Each structure stands twice: as structure tokens, then as C-alpha cells.
Amino acid sequence: DFRGIQDAFMRGKGIDYFENSRRATLAQQSYAADNPGGWVGYGAN
């Protein structure tokens, strides 16, 4: 459970690893919605 705990790196960034993974998830969703490769079926959902 990385919520609310931080190592030196994350203290320097002002987030925790849980938030980091949330952002990675959101970025992947946005990438699929944008679909720069033009793959069939990709989208926000």
C-alpha cells in the first residue's frame, strides 16, 4: 500500500507511487483515445 508514503524521490516530486500509477493509467487511456497508430477499436473505453 503506497498511498500516502514516500521515499526520497517521491518526496521531491510531491506525490506517492500510487498517484504515479494513477497518472500512468490515465496517460494510457488518453493515448488510446488519441490512437496515433490508427489501430482499429481503440478509444477512451
ModelCIF file with pLDDT and N, C-alpha, C, O atoms, coordinates in Angstrom:
data_MODEL
#
_entry.id   MODEL 
#
_entity.id                         1 
_entity.type                       polymer 
_entity.pdbx_number_of_molecules   1 
#
_entity_poly.entity_id                      1 
_entity_poly.type                           'polypeptide(L)' 
_entity_poly.nstd_linkage                   no 
_entity_poly.nstd_monomer                   no 
_entity_poly.pdbx_seq_one_letter_code       DFRGIQDAFMRGKGIDYFENSRRATLAQQSYAADNPGGWVGYGAN 
_entity_poly.pdbx_seq_one_letter_code_can   DFRGIQDAFMRGKGIDYFENSRRATLAQQSYAADNPGGWVGYGAN 
_entity_poly.pdbx_strand_id                 A 
#
loop_
_entity_poly_seq.entity_id 
_entity_poly_seq.num 
_entity_poly_seq.mon_id 
_entity_poly_seq.hetero 
1 1  ASP n 
1 2  PHE n 
1 3  ARG n 
1 4  GLY n 
1 5  ILE n 
1 6  GLN n 
1 7  ASP n 
1 8  ALA n 
1 9  PHE n 
1 10 MET n 
1 11 ARG n 
1 12 GLY n 
1 13 LYS n 
1 14 GLY n 
1 15 ILE n 
1 16 ASP n 
1 17 TYR n 
1 18 PHE n 
1 19 GLU n 
1 20 ASN n 
1 21 SER n 
1 22 ARG n 
1 23 ARG n 
1 24 ALA n 
1 25 THR n 
1 26 LEU n 
1 27 ALA n 
1 28 GLN n 
1 29 GLN n 
1 30 SER n 
1 31 TYR n 
1 32 ALA n 
1 33 ALA n 
1 34 ASP n 
1 35 ASN n 
1 36 PRO n 
1 37 GLY n 
1 38 GLY n 
1 39 TRP n 
1 40 VAL n 
1 41 GLY n 
1 42 TYR n 
1 43 GLY n 
1 44 ALA n 
1 45 ASN n 
#
_struct_asym.id          A 
_struct_asym.entity_id   1 
#
loop_
_ma_qa_metric.id 
_ma_qa_metric.mode 
_ma_qa_metric.name 
_ma_qa_metric.software_group_id 
_ma_qa_metric.type 
1 global pLDDT . pLDDT 
2 local  pLDDT . pLDDT 
#
_ma_qa_metric_global.metric_id      1 
_ma_qa_metric_global.metric_value   98.00 
_ma_qa_metric_global.model_id       1 
_ma_qa_metric_global.ordinal_id     1 
#
loop_
_ma_qa_metric_local.label_asym_id 
_ma_qa_metric_local.label_comp_id 
_ma_qa_metric_local.label_seq_id 
_ma_qa_metric_local.metric_id 
_ma_qa_metric_local.metric_value 
_ma_qa_metric_local.model_id 
_ma_qa_metric_local.ordinal_id 
A ASP 1  2 98.00 1 1  
A PHE 2  2 98.00 1 2  
A ARG 3  2 98.00 1 3  
A GLY 4  2 98.00 1 4  
A ILE 5  2 98.00 1 5  
A GLN 6  2 98.00 1 6  
A ASP 7  2 98.00 1 7  
A ALA 8  2 98.00 1 8  
A PHE 9  2 98.00 1 9  
A MET 10 2 98.00 1 10 
A ARG 11 2 98.00 1 11 
A GLY 12 2 98.00 1 12 
A LYS 13 2 98.00 1 13 
A GLY 14 2 98.00 1 14 
A ILE 15 2 98.00 1 15 
A ASP 16 2 98.00 1 16 
A TYR 17 2 98.00 1 17 
A PHE 18 2 98.00 1 18 
A GLU 19 2 98.00 1 19 
A ASN 20 2 98.00 1 20 
A SER 21 2 98.00 1 21 
A ARG 22 2 98.00 1 22 
A ARG 23 2 98.00 1 23 
A ALA 24 2 98.00 1 24 
A THR 25 2 98.00 1 25 
A LEU 26 2 98.00 1 26 
A ALA 27 2 98.00 1 27 
A GLN 28 2 98.00 1 28 
A GLN 29 2 98.00 1 29 
A SER 30 2 98.00 1 30 
A TYR 31 2 98.00 1 31 
A ALA 32 2 98.00 1 32 
A ALA 33 2 98.00 1 33 
A ASP 34 2 98.00 1 34 
A ASN 35 2 98.00 1 35 
A PRO 36 2 98.00 1 36 
A GLY 37 2 98.00 1 37 
A GLY 38 2 98.00 1 38 
A TRP 39 2 98.00 1 39 
A VAL 40 2 98.00 1 40 
A GLY 41 2 98.00 1 41 
A TYR 42 2 98.00 1 42 
A GLY 43 2 98.00 1 43 
A ALA 44 2 98.00 1 44 
A ASN 45 2 98.00 1 45 
#
loop_
_atom_site.group_PDB 
_atom_site.id 
_atom_site.type_symbol 
_atom_site.label_atom_id 
_atom_site.label_alt_id 
_atom_site.label_comp_id 
_atom_site.label_asym_id 
_atom_site.label_entity_id 
_atom_site.label_seq_id 
_atom_site.pdbx_PDB_ins_code 
_atom_site.Cartn_x 
_atom_site.Cartn_y 
_atom_site.Cartn_z 
_atom_site.occupancy 
_atom_site.B_iso_or_equiv 
_atom_site.pdbx_formal_charge 
_atom_site.auth_seq_id 
_atom_site.auth_comp_id 
_atom_site.auth_asym_id 
_atom_site.auth_atom_id 
_atom_site.pdbx_PDB_model_num 
ATOM 1   N N  . ASP A 1 1  ? 0.851   -1.186 0.000   1.00 98.00 ? 1  ASP A N  1 
ATOM 2   C CA . ASP A 1 1  ? 0.000   0.000  0.000   1.00 98.00 ? 1  ASP A CA 1 
ATOM 3   C C  . ASP A 1 1  ? 0.889   1.238  0.000   1.00 98.00 ? 1  ASP A C  1 
ATOM 4   O O  . ASP A 1 1  ? 1.402   1.643  1.043   1.00 98.00 ? 1  ASP A O  1 
ATOM 5   N N  . PHE A 1 2  ? 1.065   1.832  -1.170  1.00 98.00 ? 2  PHE A N  1 
ATOM 6   C CA . PHE A 1 2  ? 1.930   3.004  -1.297  1.00 98.00 ? 2  PHE A CA 1 
ATOM 7   C C  . PHE A 1 2  ? 1.179   4.318  -1.116  1.00 98.00 ? 2  PHE A C  1 
ATOM 8   O O  . PHE A 1 2  ? 1.761   5.388  -1.298  1.00 98.00 ? 2  PHE A O  1 
ATOM 9   N N  . ARG A 1 3  ? -0.091  4.259  -0.765  1.00 98.00 ? 3  ARG A N  1 
ATOM 10  C CA . ARG A 1 3  ? -0.851  5.502  -0.589  1.00 98.00 ? 3  ARG A CA 1 
ATOM 11  C C  . ARG A 1 3  ? -0.327  6.278  0.617   1.00 98.00 ? 3  ARG A C  1 
ATOM 12  O O  . ARG A 1 3  ? -0.312  5.768  1.738   1.00 98.00 ? 3  ARG A O  1 
ATOM 13  N N  . GLY A 1 4  ? 0.098   7.502  0.377   1.00 98.00 ? 4  GLY A N  1 
ATOM 14  C CA . GLY A 1 4  ? 0.473   8.385  1.467   1.00 98.00 ? 4  GLY A CA 1 
ATOM 15  C C  . GLY A 1 4  ? 1.857   8.173  2.033   1.00 98.00 ? 4  GLY A C  1 
ATOM 16  O O  . GLY A 1 4  ? 2.237   8.870  2.974   1.00 98.00 ? 4  GLY A O  1 
ATOM 17  N N  . ILE A 1 5  ? 2.634   7.234  1.498   1.00 98.00 ? 5  ILE A N  1 
ATOM 18  C CA . ILE A 1 5  ? 4.011   7.053  1.956   1.00 98.00 ? 5  ILE A CA 1 
ATOM 19  C C  . ILE A 1 5  ? 4.947   7.410  0.800   1.00 98.00 ? 5  ILE A C  1 
ATOM 20  O O  . ILE A 1 5  ? 4.610   7.222  -0.369  1.00 98.00 ? 5  ILE A O  1 
ATOM 21  N N  . GLN A 1 6  ? 6.126   7.928  1.147   1.00 98.00 ? 6  GLN A N  1 
ATOM 22  C CA . GLN A 1 6  ? 7.034   8.437  0.110   1.00 98.00 ? 6  GLN A CA 1 
ATOM 23  C C  . GLN A 1 6  ? 8.474   8.086  0.439   1.00 98.00 ? 6  GLN A C  1 
ATOM 24  O O  . GLN A 1 6  ? 8.885   8.117  1.599   1.00 98.00 ? 6  GLN A O  1 
ATOM 25  N N  . ASP A 1 7  ? 9.239   7.752  -0.600  1.00 98.00 ? 7  ASP A N  1 
ATOM 26  C CA . ASP A 1 7  ? 10.692  7.675  -0.462  1.00 98.00 ? 7  ASP A CA 1 
ATOM 27  C C  . ASP A 1 7  ? 11.262  9.038  -0.838  1.00 98.00 ? 7  ASP A C  1 
ATOM 28  O O  . ASP A 1 7  ? 10.509  9.978  -1.094  1.00 98.00 ? 7  ASP A O  1 
ATOM 29  N N  . ALA A 1 8  ? 12.588  9.150  -0.871  1.00 98.00 ? 8  ALA A N  1 
ATOM 30  C CA . ALA A 1 8  ? 13.210  10.450 -1.144  1.00 98.00 ? 8  ALA A CA 1 
ATOM 31  C C  . ALA A 1 8  ? 12.809  10.977 -2.523  1.00 98.00 ? 8  ALA A C  1 
ATOM 32  O O  . ALA A 1 8  ? 12.563  12.173 -2.680  1.00 98.00 ? 8  ALA A O  1 
ATOM 33  N N  . PHE A 1 9  ? 12.742  10.097 -3.517  1.00 98.00 ? 9  PHE A N  1 
ATOM 34  C CA . PHE A 1 9  ? 12.398  10.548 -4.858  1.00 98.00 ? 9  PHE A CA 1 
ATOM 35  C C  . PHE A 1 9  ? 10.992  11.135 -4.888  1.00 98.00 ? 9  PHE A C  1 
ATOM 36  O O  . PHE A 1 9  ? 10.784  12.230 -5.411  1.00 98.00 ? 9  PHE A O  1 
ATOM 37  N N  . MET A 1 10 ? 10.033  10.413 -4.330  1.00 98.00 ? 10 MET A N  1 
ATOM 38  C CA . MET A 1 10 ? 8.658   10.885 -4.386  1.00 98.00 ? 10 MET A CA 1 
ATOM 39  C C  . MET A 1 10 ? 8.414   12.095 -3.491  1.00 98.00 ? 10 MET A C  1 
ATOM 40  O O  . MET A 1 10 ? 7.576   12.942 -3.803  1.00 98.00 ? 10 MET A O  1 
ATOM 41  N N  . ARG A 1 11 ? 9.136   12.179 -2.389  1.00 98.00 ? 11 ARG A N  1 
ATOM 42  C CA . ARG A 1 11 ? 9.033   13.404 -1.575  1.00 98.00 ? 11 ARG A CA 1 
ATOM 43  C C  . ARG A 1 11 ? 9.456   14.612 -2.394  1.00 98.00 ? 11 ARG A C  1 
ATOM 44  O O  . ARG A 1 11 ? 8.872   15.690 -2.280  1.00 98.00 ? 11 ARG A O  1 
ATOM 45  N N  . GLY A 1 12 ? 10.483  14.418 -3.224  1.00 98.00 ? 12 GLY A N  1 
ATOM 46  C CA . GLY A 1 12 ? 10.951  15.515 -4.065  1.00 98.00 ? 12 GLY A CA 1 
ATOM 47  C C  . GLY A 1 12 ? 9.957   15.914 -5.142  1.00 98.00 ? 12 GLY A C  1 
ATOM 48  O O  . GLY A 1 12 ? 9.985   17.047 -5.622  1.00 98.00 ? 12 GLY A O  1 
ATOM 49  N N  . LYS A 1 13 ? 9.081   14.997 -5.527  1.00 98.00 ? 13 LYS A N  1 
ATOM 50  C CA . LYS A 1 13 ? 8.090   15.279 -6.566  1.00 98.00 ? 13 LYS A CA 1 
ATOM 51  C C  . LYS A 1 13 ? 6.727   15.649 -5.993  1.00 98.00 ? 13 LYS A C  1 
ATOM 52  O O  . LYS A 1 13 ? 5.862   16.131 -6.724  1.00 98.00 ? 13 LYS A O  1 
ATOM 53  N N  . GLY A 1 14 ? 6.527   15.433 -4.719  1.00 98.00 ? 14 GLY A N  1 
ATOM 54  C CA . GLY A 1 14 ? 5.274   15.825 -4.085  1.00 98.00 ? 14 GLY A CA 1 
ATOM 55  C C  . GLY A 1 14 ? 4.116   14.872 -4.317  1.00 98.00 ? 14 GLY A C  1 
ATOM 56  O O  . GLY A 1 14 ? 2.963   15.246 -4.102  1.00 98.00 ? 14 GLY A O  1 
ATOM 57  N N  . ILE A 1 15 ? 4.398   13.631 -4.756  1.00 98.00 ? 15 ILE A N  1 
ATOM 58  C CA . ILE A 1 15 ? 3.346   12.635 -4.937  1.00 98.00 ? 15 ILE A CA 1 
ATOM 59  C C  . ILE A 1 15 ? 3.805   11.323 -4.301  1.00 98.00 ? 15 ILE A C  1 
ATOM 60  O O  . ILE A 1 15 ? 4.887   11.263 -3.716  1.00 98.00 ? 15 ILE A O  1 
ATOM 61  N N  . ASP A 1 16 ? 2.999   10.285 -4.410  1.00 98.00 ? 16 ASP A N  1 
ATOM 62  C CA . ASP A 1 16 ? 3.414   8.952  -3.983  1.00 98.00 ? 16 ASP A CA 1 
ATOM 63  C C  . ASP A 1 16 ? 3.327   8.004  -5.174  1.00 98.00 ? 16 ASP A C  1 
ATOM 64  O O  . ASP A 1 16 ? 2.879   8.388  -6.254  1.00 98.00 ? 16 ASP A O  1 
ATOM 65  N N  . TYR A 1 17 ? 3.757   6.768  -4.964  1.00 98.00 ? 17 TYR A N  1 
ATOM 66  C CA . TYR A 1 17 ? 3.769   5.815  -6.077  1.00 98.00 ? 17 TYR A CA 1 
ATOM 67  C C  . TYR A 1 17 ? 2.359   5.442  -6.540  1.00 98.00 ? 17 TYR A C  1 
ATOM 68  O O  . TYR A 1 17 ? 2.155   5.123  -7.712  1.00 98.00 ? 17 TYR A O  1 
ATOM 69  N N  . PHE A 1 18 ? 1.402   5.481  -5.638  1.00 98.00 ? 18 PHE A N  1 
ATOM 70  C CA . PHE A 1 18 ? 0.016   5.220  -6.024  1.00 98.00 ? 18 PHE A CA 1 
ATOM 71  C C  . PHE A 1 18 ? -0.454  6.267  -7.027  1.00 98.00 ? 18 PHE A C  1 
ATOM 72  O O  . PHE A 1 18 ? -1.041  5.927  -8.055  1.00 98.00 ? 18 PHE A O  1 
ATOM 73  N N  . GLU A 1 19 ? -0.201  7.527  -6.734  1.00 98.00 ? 19 GLU A N  1 
ATOM 74  C CA . GLU A 1 19 ? -0.565  8.602  -7.652  1.00 98.00 ? 19 GLU A CA 1 
ATOM 75  C C  . GLU A 1 19 ? 0.210   8.472  -8.957  1.00 98.00 ? 19 GLU A C  1 
ATOM 76  O O  . GLU A 1 19 ? -0.321  8.760  -10.029 1.00 98.00 ? 19 GLU A O  1 
ATOM 77  N N  . ASN A 1 20 ? 1.452   8.042  -8.867  1.00 98.00 ? 20 ASN A N  1 
ATOM 78  C CA . ASN A 1 20 ? 2.252   7.848  -10.078 1.00 98.00 ? 20 ASN A CA 1 
ATOM 79  C C  . ASN A 1 20 ? 1.593   6.822  -11.003 1.00 98.00 ? 20 ASN A C  1 
ATOM 80  O O  . ASN A 1 20 ? 1.521   7.022  -12.216 1.00 98.00 ? 20 ASN A O  1 
ATOM 81  N N  . SER A 1 21 ? 1.116   5.729  -10.418 1.00 98.00 ? 21 SER A N  1 
ATOM 82  C CA . SER A 1 21 ? 0.464   4.699  -11.227 1.00 98.00 ? 21 SER A CA 1 
ATOM 83  C C  . SER A 1 21 ? -0.894  5.162  -11.751 1.00 98.00 ? 21 SER A C  1 
ATOM 84  O O  . SER A 1 21 ? -1.313  4.766  -12.838 1.00 98.00 ? 21 SER A O  1 
ATOM 85  N N  . ARG A 1 22 ? -1.570  5.993  -10.983 1.00 98.00 ? 22 ARG A N  1 
ATOM 86  C CA . ARG A 1 22 ? -2.828  6.560  -11.470 1.00 98.00 ? 22 ARG A CA 1 
ATOM 87  C C  . ARG A 1 22 ? -2.569  7.399  -12.719 1.00 98.00 ? 22 ARG A C  1 
ATOM 88  O O  . ARG A 1 22 ? -3.310  7.310  -13.698 1.00 98.00 ? 22 ARG A O  1 
ATOM 89  N N  . ARG A 1 23 ? -1.528  8.204  -12.682 1.00 98.00 ? 23 ARG A N  1 
ATOM 90  C CA . ARG A 1 23 ? -1.196  9.035  -13.837 1.00 98.00 ? 23 ARG A CA 1 
ATOM 91  C C  . ARG A 1 23 ? -0.797  8.189  -15.037 1.00 98.00 ? 23 ARG A C  1 
ATOM 92  O O  . ARG A 1 23 ? -1.165  8.507  -16.168 1.00 98.00 ? 23 ARG A O  1 
ATOM 93  N N  . ALA A 1 24 ? -0.053  7.119  -14.804 1.00 98.00 ? 24 ALA A N  1 
ATOM 94  C CA . ALA A 1 24 ? 0.323   6.232  -15.904 1.00 98.00 ? 24 ALA A CA 1 
ATOM 95  C C  . ALA A 1 24 ? -0.909  5.609  -16.548 1.00 98.00 ? 24 ALA A C  1 
ATOM 96  O O  . ALA A 1 24 ? -0.971  5.457  -17.768 1.00 98.00 ? 24 ALA A O  1 
ATOM 97  N N  . THR A 1 25 ? -1.887  5.251  -15.720 1.00 98.00 ? 25 THR A N  1 
ATOM 98  C CA . THR A 1 25 ? -3.132  4.679  -16.228 1.00 98.00 ? 25 THR A CA 1 
ATOM 99  C C  . THR A 1 25 ? -3.897  5.695  -17.073 1.00 98.00 ? 25 THR A C  1 
ATOM 100 O O  . THR A 1 25 ? -4.367  5.373  -18.165 1.00 98.00 ? 25 THR A O  1 
ATOM 101 N N  . LEU A 1 26 ? -4.020  6.923  -16.564 1.00 98.00 ? 26 LEU A N  1 
ATOM 102 C CA . LEU A 1 26 ? -4.712  7.974  -17.309 1.00 98.00 ? 26 LEU A CA 1 
ATOM 103 C C  . LEU A 1 26 ? -4.014  8.280  -18.629 1.00 98.00 ? 26 LEU A C  1 
ATOM 104 O O  . LEU A 1 26 ? -4.668  8.532  -19.641 1.00 98.00 ? 26 LEU A O  1 
ATOM 105 N N  . ALA A 1 27 ? -2.675  8.256  -18.614 1.00 98.00 ? 27 ALA A N  1 
ATOM 106 C CA . ALA A 1 27 ? -1.928  8.535  -19.834 1.00 98.00 ? 27 ALA A CA 1 
ATOM 107 C C  . ALA A 1 27 ? -2.182  7.463  -20.888 1.00 98.00 ? 27 ALA A C  1 
ATOM 108 O O  . ALA A 1 27 ? -2.309  7.767  -22.074 1.00 98.00 ? 27 ALA A O  1 
ATOM 109 N N  . GLN A 1 28 ? -2.254  6.215  -20.450 1.00 98.00 ? 28 GLN A N  1 
ATOM 110 C CA . GLN A 1 28 ? -2.538  5.145  -21.414 1.00 98.00 ? 28 GLN A CA 1 
ATOM 111 C C  . GLN A 1 28 ? -3.936  5.271  -22.001 1.00 98.00 ? 28 GLN A C  1 
ATOM 112 O O  . GLN A 1 28 ? -4.140  5.039  -23.193 1.00 98.00 ? 28 GLN A O  1 
ATOM 113 N N  . GLN A 1 29 ? -4.898  5.638  -21.160 1.00 98.00 ? 29 GLN A N  1 
ATOM 114 C CA . GLN A 1 29 ? -6.251  5.845  -21.688 1.00 98.00 ? 29 GLN A CA 1 
ATOM 115 C C  . GLN A 1 29 ? -6.245  6.961  -22.731 1.00 98.00 ? 29 GLN A C  1 
ATOM 116 O O  . GLN A 1 29 ? -6.855  6.824  -23.791 1.00 98.00 ? 29 GLN A O  1 
ATOM 117 N N  . SER A 1 30 ? -5.562  8.053  -22.435 1.00 98.00 ? 30 SER A N  1 
ATOM 118 C CA . SER A 1 30 ? -5.510  9.177  -23.374 1.00 98.00 ? 30 SER A CA 1 
ATOM 119 C C  . SER A 1 30 ? -4.797  8.789  -24.661 1.00 98.00 ? 30 SER A C  1 
ATOM 120 O O  . SER A 1 30 ? -5.196  9.214  -25.746 1.00 98.00 ? 30 SER A O  1 
ATOM 121 N N  . TYR A 1 31 ? -3.751  7.991  -24.548 1.00 98.00 ? 31 TYR A N  1 
ATOM 122 C CA . TYR A 1 31 ? -3.043  7.513  -25.741 1.00 98.00 ? 31 TYR A CA 1 
ATOM 123 C C  . TYR A 1 31 ? -3.987  6.703  -26.630 1.00 98.00 ? 31 TYR A C  1 
ATOM 124 O O  . TYR A 1 31 ? -3.999  6.881  -27.848 1.00 98.00 ? 31 TYR A O  1 
ATOM 125 N N  . ALA A 1 32 ? -4.769  5.823  -26.028 1.00 98.00 ? 32 ALA A N  1 
ATOM 126 C CA . ALA A 1 32 ? -5.697  5.008  -26.810 1.00 98.00 ? 32 ALA A CA 1 
ATOM 127 C C  . ALA A 1 32 ? -6.779  5.863  -27.451 1.00 98.00 ? 32 ALA A C  1 
ATOM 128 O O  . ALA A 1 32 ? -7.166  5.622  -28.594 1.00 98.00 ? 32 ALA A O  1 
ATOM 129 N N  . ALA A 1 33 ? -7.270  6.861  -26.724 1.00 98.00 ? 33 ALA A N  1 
ATOM 130 C CA . ALA A 1 33 ? -8.291  7.752  -27.282 1.00 98.00 ? 33 ALA A CA 1 
ATOM 131 C C  . ALA A 1 33 ? -7.737  8.540  -28.473 1.00 98.00 ? 33 ALA A C  1 
ATOM 132 O O  . ALA A 1 33 ? -8.440  8.769  -29.457 1.00 98.00 ? 33 ALA A O  1 
ATOM 133 N N  . ASP A 1 34 ? -6.484  8.945  -28.370 1.00 98.00 ? 34 ASP A N  1 
ATOM 134 C CA . ASP A 1 34 ? -5.833  9.670  -29.466 1.00 98.00 ? 34 ASP A CA 1 
ATOM 135 C C  . ASP A 1 34 ? -5.506  8.728  -30.636 1.00 98.00 ? 34 ASP A C  1 
ATOM 136 O O  . ASP A 1 34 ? -5.644  9.083  -31.807 1.00 98.00 ? 34 ASP A O  1 
ATOM 137 N N  . ASN A 1 35 ? -5.070  7.523  -30.275 1.00 98.00 ? 35 ASN A N  1 
ATOM 138 C CA . ASN A 1 35 ? -4.809  6.454  -31.248 1.00 98.00 ? 35 ASN A CA 1 
ATOM 139 C C  . ASN A 1 35 ? -3.917  6.901  -32.401 1.00 98.00 ? 35 ASN A C  1 
ATOM 140 O O  . ASN A 1 35 ? -4.332  6.858  -33.559 1.00 98.00 ? 35 ASN A O  1 
ATOM 141 N N  . PRO A 1 36 ? -2.686  7.332  -32.090 1.00 98.00 ? 36 PRO A N  1 
ATOM 142 C CA . PRO A 1 36 ? -1.818  7.831  -33.157 1.00 98.00 ? 36 PRO A CA 1 
ATOM 143 C C  . PRO A 1 36 ? -1.445  6.769  -34.181 1.00 98.00 ? 36 PRO A C  1 
ATOM 144 O O  . PRO A 1 36 ? -1.101  7.101  -35.315 1.00 98.00 ? 36 PRO A O  1 
ATOM 145 N N  . GLY A 1 37 ? -1.509  5.487  -33.796 1.00 98.00 ? 37 GLY A N  1 
ATOM 146 C CA . GLY A 1 37 ? -1.174  4.427  -34.736 1.00 98.00 ? 37 GLY A CA 1 
ATOM 147 C C  . GLY A 1 37 ? -2.319  4.019  -35.639 1.00 98.00 ? 37 GLY A C  1 
ATOM 148 O O  . GLY A 1 37 ? -2.131  3.211  -36.549 1.00 98.00 ? 37 GLY A O  1 
ATOM 149 N N  . GLY A 1 38 ? -3.499  4.562  -35.405 1.00 98.00 ? 38 GLY A N  1 
ATOM 150 C CA . GLY A 1 38 ? -4.633  4.249  -36.242 1.00 98.00 ? 38 GLY A CA 1 
ATOM 151 C C  . GLY A 1 38 ? -5.091  2.802  -36.137 1.00 98.00 ? 38 GLY A C  1 
ATOM 152 O O  . GLY A 1 38 ? -5.511  2.217  -37.135 1.00 98.00 ? 38 GLY A O  1 
ATOM 153 N N  . TRP A 1 39 ? -5.017  2.220  -34.954 1.00 98.00 ? 39 TRP A N  1 
ATOM 154 C CA . TRP A 1 39 ? -5.436  0.838  -34.755 1.00 98.00 ? 39 TRP A CA 1 
ATOM 155 C C  . TRP A 1 39 ? -6.955  0.762  -34.610 1.00 98.00 ? 39 TRP A C  1 
ATOM 156 O O  . TRP A 1 39 ? -7.574  1.676  -34.065 1.00 98.00 ? 39 TRP A O  1 
ATOM 157 N N  . VAL A 1 40 ? -7.535  -0.288 -35.080 1.00 98.00 ? 40 VAL A N  1 
ATOM 158 C CA . VAL A 1 40 ? -8.982  -0.470 -35.011 1.00 98.00 ? 40 VAL A CA 1 
ATOM 159 C C  . VAL A 1 40 ? -9.407  -0.777 -33.576 1.00 98.00 ? 40 VAL A C  1 
ATOM 160 O O  . VAL A 1 40 ? -8.764  -1.567 -32.885 1.00 98.00 ? 40 VAL A O  1 
ATOM 161 N N  . GLY A 1 41 ? -10.495 -0.146 -33.137 1.00 98.00 ? 41 GLY A N  1 
ATOM 162 C CA . GLY A 1 41 ? -11.093 -0.488 -31.848 1.00 98.00 ? 41 GLY A CA 1 
ATOM 163 C C  . GLY A 1 41 ? -10.636 0.334  -30.676 1.00 98.00 ? 41 GLY A C  1 
ATOM 164 O O  . GLY A 1 41 ? -11.287 0.308  -29.631 1.00 98.00 ? 41 GLY A O  1 
ATOM 165 N N  . TYR A 1 42 ? -9.525  1.078  -30.800 1.00 98.00 ? 42 TYR A N  1 
ATOM 166 C CA . TYR A 1 42 ? -9.023  1.861  -29.685 1.00 98.00 ? 42 TYR A CA 1 
ATOM 167 C C  . TYR A 1 42 ? -9.990  3.001  -29.355 1.00 98.00 ? 42 TYR A C  1 
ATOM 168 O O  . TYR A 1 42 ? -10.692 3.501  -30.235 1.00 98.00 ? 42 TYR A O  1 
ATOM 169 N N  . GLY A 1 43 ? -10.021 3.405  -28.090 1.00 98.00 ? 43 GLY A N  1 
ATOM 170 C CA . GLY A 1 43 ? -10.848 4.525  -27.681 1.00 98.00 ? 43 GLY A CA 1 
ATOM 171 C C  . GLY A 1 43 ? -10.743 4.762  -26.199 1.00 98.00 ? 43 GLY A C  1 
ATOM 172 O O  . GLY A 1 43 ? -10.019 4.052  -25.500 1.00 98.00 ? 43 GLY A O  1 
ATOM 173 N N  . ALA A 1 44 ? -11.462 5.759  -25.709 1.00 98.00 ? 44 ALA A N  1 
ATOM 174 C CA . ALA A 1 44 ? -11.403 6.112  -24.289 1.00 98.00 ? 44 ALA A CA 1 
ATOM 175 C C  . ALA A 1 44 ? -11.874 4.976  -23.393 1.00 98.00 ? 44 ALA A C  1 
ATOM 176 O O  . ALA A 1 44 ? -11.514 4.926  -22.217 1.00 98.00 ? 44 ALA A O  1 
ATOM 177 N N  . ASN A 1 45 ? -12.680 4.056  -23.937 1.00 98.00 ? 45 ASN A N  1 
ATOM 178 C CA . ASN A 1 45 ? -13.177 2.933  -23.145 1.00 98.00 ? 45 ASN A CA 1 
ATOM 179 C C  . ASN A 1 45 ? -12.656 1.578  -23.618 1.00 98.00 ? 45 ASN A C  1 
ATOM 180 O O  . ASN A 1 45 ? -12.998 0.548  -23.037 1.00 98.00 ? 45 ASN A O  1 
#
